[in-house]
Amino acid sequence: MLPIGGGLNRTSPVLIPKGMTVVYSVYIMHRRPNLYRIDAKLYRPKRWDKDMPLNHNKTDAKWGYLPCNSGLRICLESERPLLLVKLGLLLDINLYFLLQLILRSQKPPT
């Protein structure tokens, strides 16, 4: 599939010869009005609702937002934040139960 944006009216396919290096800018991609609406440059958490143009087809939904890239070039640290949250919750739960044990052991016998 060839990308569109060539020709005088910028609606024709763009020819990419075999062996040509293709690069893209994640910064620019995340500010595309056709995916994120006219306010693409503003912070809006509801941007990722299911009714956004970004989610209208599988390709845009998968590749439209690339904080850690995707596919073969995915960031090796992309799973780390979720792992740290899980670890933090586990430590909090352990601390809670440890404090409960300490408090129970300090109660005077009746």
N, C-alpha and C. Protein backbone atom coordinates (compact mmCIF):
# COMPACT_ATOMS: atom_id res chain seq x y z
N MET A 1 0.85 -1.17 0.00
CA MET A 1 0.00 0.00 0.00
C MET A 1 0.90 1.24 0.00
N LEU A 2 0.65 2.13 -0.93
CA LEU A 2 1.43 3.36 -1.02
C LEU A 2 0.76 4.47 -0.22
N PRO A 3 1.55 5.28 0.46
CA PRO A 3 0.96 6.42 1.18
C PRO A 3 0.44 7.47 0.22
N ILE A 4 -0.58 8.19 0.64
CA ILE A 4 -1.18 9.24 -0.18
C ILE A 4 -0.62 10.58 0.25
N GLY A 5 -0.45 11.50 -0.70
CA GLY A 5 0.05 12.83 -0.40
C GLY A 5 0.92 13.38 -1.51
N GLY A 6 0.98 12.67 -2.62
CA GLY A 6 1.80 13.13 -3.74
C GLY A 6 0.98 13.84 -4.81
N GLY A 7 1.67 14.32 -5.83
CA GLY A 7 1.01 15.02 -6.92
C GLY A 7 0.74 16.47 -6.59
N LEU A 8 0.17 17.20 -7.57
CA LEU A 8 -0.11 18.61 -7.38
C LEU A 8 -1.20 18.84 -6.33
N ASN A 9 -2.20 17.96 -6.31
CA ASN A 9 -3.30 18.14 -5.36
C ASN A 9 -3.07 17.37 -4.05
N ARG A 10 -1.95 16.72 -3.93
CA ARG A 10 -1.53 15.97 -2.73
C ARG A 10 -2.49 14.86 -2.33
N THR A 11 -3.17 14.27 -3.35
CA THR A 11 -4.07 13.15 -3.08
C THR A 11 -3.64 11.89 -3.83
N SER A 12 -2.58 11.99 -4.62
CA SER A 12 -2.08 10.84 -5.36
C SER A 12 -1.15 10.01 -4.49
N PRO A 13 -0.98 8.73 -4.81
CA PRO A 13 -0.03 7.91 -4.06
C PRO A 13 1.40 8.43 -4.20
N VAL A 14 2.19 8.22 -3.18
CA VAL A 14 3.59 8.61 -3.19
C VAL A 14 4.41 7.36 -3.50
N LEU A 15 5.24 7.42 -4.53
CA LEU A 15 6.08 6.28 -4.88
C LEU A 15 7.30 6.25 -3.99
N ILE A 16 7.53 5.12 -3.35
CA ILE A 16 8.71 4.92 -2.52
C ILE A 16 9.51 3.78 -3.16
N PRO A 17 10.61 4.11 -3.85
CA PRO A 17 11.39 3.07 -4.51
C PRO A 17 11.99 2.09 -3.50
N LYS A 18 12.18 0.87 -3.95
CA LYS A 18 12.78 -0.16 -3.11
C LYS A 18 14.17 0.29 -2.66
N GLY A 19 14.46 0.11 -1.39
CA GLY A 19 15.76 0.48 -0.84
C GLY A 19 15.83 1.90 -0.31
N MET A 20 14.79 2.72 -0.54
CA MET A 20 14.80 4.09 -0.05
C MET A 20 14.58 4.10 1.46
N THR A 21 15.30 4.94 2.16
CA THR A 21 15.13 5.08 3.60
C THR A 21 13.92 5.96 3.88
N VAL A 22 13.04 5.47 4.77
CA VAL A 22 11.85 6.21 5.14
C VAL A 22 11.93 6.49 6.64
N VAL A 23 11.74 7.73 7.03
CA VAL A 23 11.74 8.10 8.44
C VAL A 23 10.44 8.84 8.74
N TYR A 24 10.07 8.86 9.99
CA TYR A 24 8.88 9.59 10.40
C TYR A 24 9.14 10.26 11.74
N SER A 25 8.33 11.25 12.05
CA SER A 25 8.47 11.98 13.29
C SER A 25 7.29 11.64 14.20
N VAL A 26 7.59 11.04 15.35
CA VAL A 26 6.54 10.72 16.30
C VAL A 26 5.88 12.01 16.80
N TYR A 27 6.69 13.05 16.99
CA TYR A 27 6.17 14.35 17.44
C TYR A 27 5.09 14.87 16.48
N ILE A 28 5.37 14.84 15.19
CA ILE A 28 4.42 15.33 14.19
C ILE A 28 3.24 14.38 14.06
N MET A 29 3.50 13.08 14.12
CA MET A 29 2.43 12.10 13.98
C MET A 29 1.39 12.25 15.09
N HIS A 30 1.83 12.58 16.29
CA HIS A 30 0.90 12.73 17.41
C HIS A 30 0.13 14.05 17.37
N ARG A 31 0.37 14.87 16.38
CA ARG A 31 -0.32 16.15 16.25
C ARG A 31 -1.09 16.26 14.94
N ARG A 32 -1.46 15.12 14.37
CA ARG A 32 -2.20 15.09 13.10
C ARG A 32 -3.68 15.38 13.33
N PRO A 33 -4.19 16.48 12.77
CA PRO A 33 -5.61 16.82 12.96
C PRO A 33 -6.56 15.76 12.40
N ASN A 34 -6.13 15.02 11.36
CA ASN A 34 -7.03 14.01 10.80
C ASN A 34 -7.19 12.81 11.73
N LEU A 35 -6.29 12.63 12.69
CA LEU A 35 -6.42 11.55 13.67
C LEU A 35 -6.90 12.05 15.03
N TYR A 36 -6.45 13.26 15.42
CA TYR A 36 -6.74 13.78 16.76
C TYR A 36 -7.63 15.01 16.76
N ARG A 37 -8.29 15.29 15.66
CA ARG A 37 -9.18 16.43 15.48
C ARG A 37 -8.40 17.75 15.49
N ILE A 38 -9.13 18.83 15.38
CA ILE A 38 -8.51 20.15 15.20
C ILE A 38 -7.68 20.57 16.41
N ASP A 39 -8.02 20.07 17.59
CA ASP A 39 -7.28 20.44 18.79
C ASP A 39 -6.16 19.45 19.10
N ALA A 40 -5.53 18.94 18.07
CA ALA A 40 -4.49 17.91 18.23
C ALA A 40 -3.32 18.38 19.10
N LYS A 41 -3.08 19.67 19.15
CA LYS A 41 -1.93 20.18 19.92
C LYS A 41 -2.26 20.44 21.39
N LEU A 42 -3.54 20.28 21.77
CA LEU A 42 -3.95 20.52 23.15
C LEU A 42 -3.97 19.22 23.95
N TYR A 43 -3.79 19.36 25.26
CA TYR A 43 -3.89 18.20 26.14
C TYR A 43 -5.35 17.92 26.42
N ARG A 44 -5.81 16.76 26.00
CA ARG A 44 -7.20 16.35 26.23
C ARG A 44 -7.22 14.85 26.49
N PRO A 45 -7.39 14.41 27.73
CA PRO A 45 -7.39 12.98 28.03
C PRO A 45 -8.49 12.19 27.30
N LYS A 46 -9.61 12.84 26.98
CA LYS A 46 -10.68 12.13 26.29
C LYS A 46 -10.35 11.86 24.83
N ARG A 47 -9.16 12.27 24.43
CA ARG A 47 -8.71 12.08 23.05
C ARG A 47 -8.73 10.61 22.64
N TRP A 48 -8.58 9.71 23.61
CA TRP A 48 -8.47 8.29 23.28
C TRP A 48 -9.79 7.56 23.44
N ASP A 49 -10.92 8.29 23.43
CA ASP A 49 -12.22 7.65 23.44
C ASP A 49 -12.41 6.85 22.15
N LYS A 50 -13.33 5.91 22.19
CA LYS A 50 -13.54 5.03 21.04
C LYS A 50 -14.12 5.75 19.83
N ASP A 51 -14.76 6.90 20.01
CA ASP A 51 -15.39 7.59 18.88
C ASP A 51 -14.43 8.51 18.13
N MET A 52 -13.17 8.56 18.54
CA MET A 52 -12.19 9.42 17.86
C MET A 52 -11.81 8.82 16.51
N PRO A 53 -11.45 9.66 15.52
CA PRO A 53 -11.03 9.16 14.22
C PRO A 53 -9.84 8.20 14.33
N LEU A 54 -9.05 8.36 15.37
CA LEU A 54 -7.90 7.48 15.57
C LEU A 54 -8.32 6.02 15.67
N ASN A 55 -9.50 5.75 16.18
CA ASN A 55 -9.96 4.37 16.39
C ASN A 55 -10.90 3.86 15.31
N HIS A 56 -11.02 4.56 14.20
CA HIS A 56 -11.96 4.15 13.16
C HIS A 56 -11.46 2.99 12.31
N ASN A 57 -10.16 2.77 12.26
CA ASN A 57 -9.66 1.59 11.56
C ASN A 57 -8.50 1.00 12.35
N LYS A 58 -8.22 -0.28 12.11
CA LYS A 58 -7.23 -1.01 12.92
C LYS A 58 -5.83 -0.43 12.78
N THR A 59 -5.46 0.02 11.59
CA THR A 59 -4.10 0.55 11.38
C THR A 59 -3.88 1.81 12.19
N ASP A 60 -4.80 2.77 12.12
CA ASP A 60 -4.65 4.00 12.89
C ASP A 60 -4.71 3.73 14.39
N ALA A 61 -5.57 2.80 14.80
CA ALA A 61 -5.69 2.50 16.23
C ALA A 61 -4.40 1.91 16.78
N LYS A 62 -3.72 1.10 15.96
CA LYS A 62 -2.48 0.46 16.42
C LYS A 62 -1.28 1.38 16.31
N TRP A 63 -1.20 2.15 15.22
CA TRP A 63 0.00 2.93 14.94
C TRP A 63 -0.19 4.43 15.10
N GLY A 64 -1.37 4.90 15.46
CA GLY A 64 -1.63 6.33 15.56
C GLY A 64 -1.01 6.99 16.78
N TYR A 65 -0.85 6.24 17.86
CA TYR A 65 -0.25 6.79 19.07
C TYR A 65 0.94 5.91 19.43
N LEU A 66 2.13 6.48 19.38
CA LEU A 66 3.35 5.68 19.52
C LEU A 66 4.26 6.20 20.63
N PRO A 67 3.85 6.16 21.88
CA PRO A 67 4.74 6.64 22.93
C PRO A 67 6.01 5.81 23.03
N CYS A 68 5.90 4.52 22.76
CA CYS A 68 7.07 3.63 22.82
C CYS A 68 7.28 2.91 21.50
N ASN A 69 6.76 3.47 20.41
CA ASN A 69 6.78 2.84 19.11
C ASN A 69 6.02 1.54 19.15
N SER A 70 6.17 0.71 18.14
CA SER A 70 5.43 -0.54 18.07
C SER A 70 6.14 -1.45 17.08
N GLY A 71 5.69 -2.66 16.99
CA GLY A 71 6.28 -3.60 16.05
C GLY A 71 7.70 -3.99 16.41
N LEU A 72 8.55 -4.12 15.41
CA LEU A 72 9.92 -4.56 15.62
C LEU A 72 10.78 -3.55 16.38
N ARG A 73 10.40 -2.28 16.33
CA ARG A 73 11.20 -1.24 16.97
C ARG A 73 10.59 -0.76 18.30
N ILE A 74 9.83 -1.63 18.95
CA ILE A 74 9.20 -1.25 20.21
C ILE A 74 10.26 -1.01 21.28
N CYS A 75 10.02 -0.04 22.12
CA CYS A 75 10.94 0.31 23.19
C CYS A 75 11.04 -0.85 24.18
N LEU A 76 12.26 -1.20 24.55
CA LEU A 76 12.46 -2.30 25.48
C LEU A 76 11.92 -1.97 26.87
N GLU A 77 11.80 -0.71 27.19
CA GLU A 77 11.32 -0.27 28.51
C GLU A 77 9.82 -0.01 28.53
N SER A 78 9.08 -0.36 27.47
CA SER A 78 7.67 -0.02 27.40
C SER A 78 6.83 -0.72 28.46
N GLU A 79 7.25 -1.87 28.94
CA GLU A 79 6.50 -2.60 29.96
C GLU A 79 6.90 -2.18 31.38
N ARG A 80 7.97 -1.43 31.51
CA ARG A 80 8.50 -1.09 32.84
C ARG A 80 7.53 -0.28 33.70
N PRO A 81 6.86 0.75 33.18
CA PRO A 81 5.94 1.52 34.04
C PRO A 81 4.84 0.66 34.65
N LEU A 82 4.25 -0.23 33.87
CA LEU A 82 3.21 -1.10 34.40
C LEU A 82 3.78 -2.05 35.45
N LEU A 83 4.96 -2.56 35.23
CA LEU A 83 5.61 -3.42 36.20
C LEU A 83 5.88 -2.68 37.51
N LEU A 84 6.31 -1.43 37.42
CA LEU A 84 6.56 -0.64 38.63
C LEU A 84 5.28 -0.37 39.41
N VAL A 85 4.18 -0.14 38.73
CA VAL A 85 2.91 0.07 39.41
C VAL A 85 2.49 -1.21 40.13
N LYS A 86 2.64 -2.34 39.46
CA LYS A 86 2.29 -3.62 40.10
C LYS A 86 3.17 -3.87 41.32
N LEU A 87 4.44 -3.60 41.20
CA LEU A 87 5.36 -3.79 42.31
C LEU A 87 5.00 -2.87 43.48
N GLY A 88 4.68 -1.62 43.18
CA GLY A 88 4.28 -0.69 44.22
C GLY A 88 3.04 -1.14 44.95
N LEU A 89 2.05 -1.63 44.22
CA LEU A 89 0.83 -2.14 44.86
C LEU A 89 1.13 -3.35 45.73
N LEU A 90 1.97 -4.23 45.25
CA LEU A 90 2.34 -5.42 46.02
C LEU A 90 3.04 -5.02 47.32
N LEU A 91 3.94 -4.06 47.24
CA LEU A 91 4.63 -3.59 48.45
C LEU A 91 3.66 -2.92 49.43
N ASP A 92 2.72 -2.15 48.91
CA ASP A 92 1.72 -1.52 49.78
C ASP A 92 0.87 -2.56 50.49
N ILE A 93 0.45 -3.59 49.78
CA ILE A 93 -0.36 -4.65 50.39
C ILE A 93 0.44 -5.38 51.46
N ASN A 94 1.69 -5.70 51.15
CA ASN A 94 2.54 -6.37 52.14
C ASN A 94 2.74 -5.50 53.38
N LEU A 95 2.96 -4.22 53.18
CA LEU A 95 3.15 -3.31 54.30
C LEU A 95 1.88 -3.23 55.16
N TYR A 96 0.72 -3.20 54.50
CA TYR A 96 -0.55 -3.16 55.23
C TYR A 96 -0.68 -4.38 56.15
N PHE A 97 -0.43 -5.58 55.60
CA PHE A 97 -0.56 -6.79 56.41
C PHE A 97 0.50 -6.86 57.51
N LEU A 98 1.69 -6.37 57.23
CA LEU A 98 2.74 -6.33 58.26
C LEU A 98 2.32 -5.41 59.40
N LEU A 99 1.78 -4.25 59.08
CA LEU A 99 1.31 -3.33 60.12
C LEU A 99 0.16 -3.94 60.92
N GLN A 100 -0.72 -4.68 60.27
CA GLN A 100 -1.81 -5.34 60.98
C GLN A 100 -1.26 -6.35 61.99
N LEU A 101 -0.24 -7.11 61.57
CA LEU A 101 0.38 -8.08 62.49
C LEU A 101 1.03 -7.38 63.67
N ILE A 102 1.71 -6.28 63.43
CA ILE A 102 2.38 -5.54 64.51
C ILE A 102 1.34 -4.99 65.49
N LEU A 103 0.27 -4.42 64.96
CA LEU A 103 -0.76 -3.86 65.82
C LEU A 103 -1.44 -4.94 66.66
N ARG A 104 -1.68 -6.10 66.08
CA ARG A 104 -2.32 -7.20 66.82
C ARG A 104 -1.40 -7.72 67.93
N SER A 105 -0.10 -7.74 67.64
CA SER A 105 0.84 -8.27 68.64
C SER A 105 1.04 -7.28 69.80
N GLN A 106 0.72 -6.00 69.60
CA GLN A 106 0.91 -5.01 70.65
C GLN A 106 -0.30 -4.84 71.54
N LYS A 107 -1.43 -5.43 71.20
CA LYS A 107 -2.62 -5.32 72.04
C LYS A 107 -2.40 -6.10 73.31
N PRO A 108 -2.75 -5.49 74.46
CA PRO A 108 -2.60 -6.24 75.73
C PRO A 108 -3.63 -7.36 75.81
N PRO A 109 -3.24 -8.50 76.37
CA PRO A 109 -4.19 -9.60 76.50
C PRO A 109 -5.32 -9.24 77.47
N THR A 110 -6.52 -9.69 77.16
CA THR A 110 -7.65 -9.39 78.05
C THR A 110 -8.14 -10.61 78.77
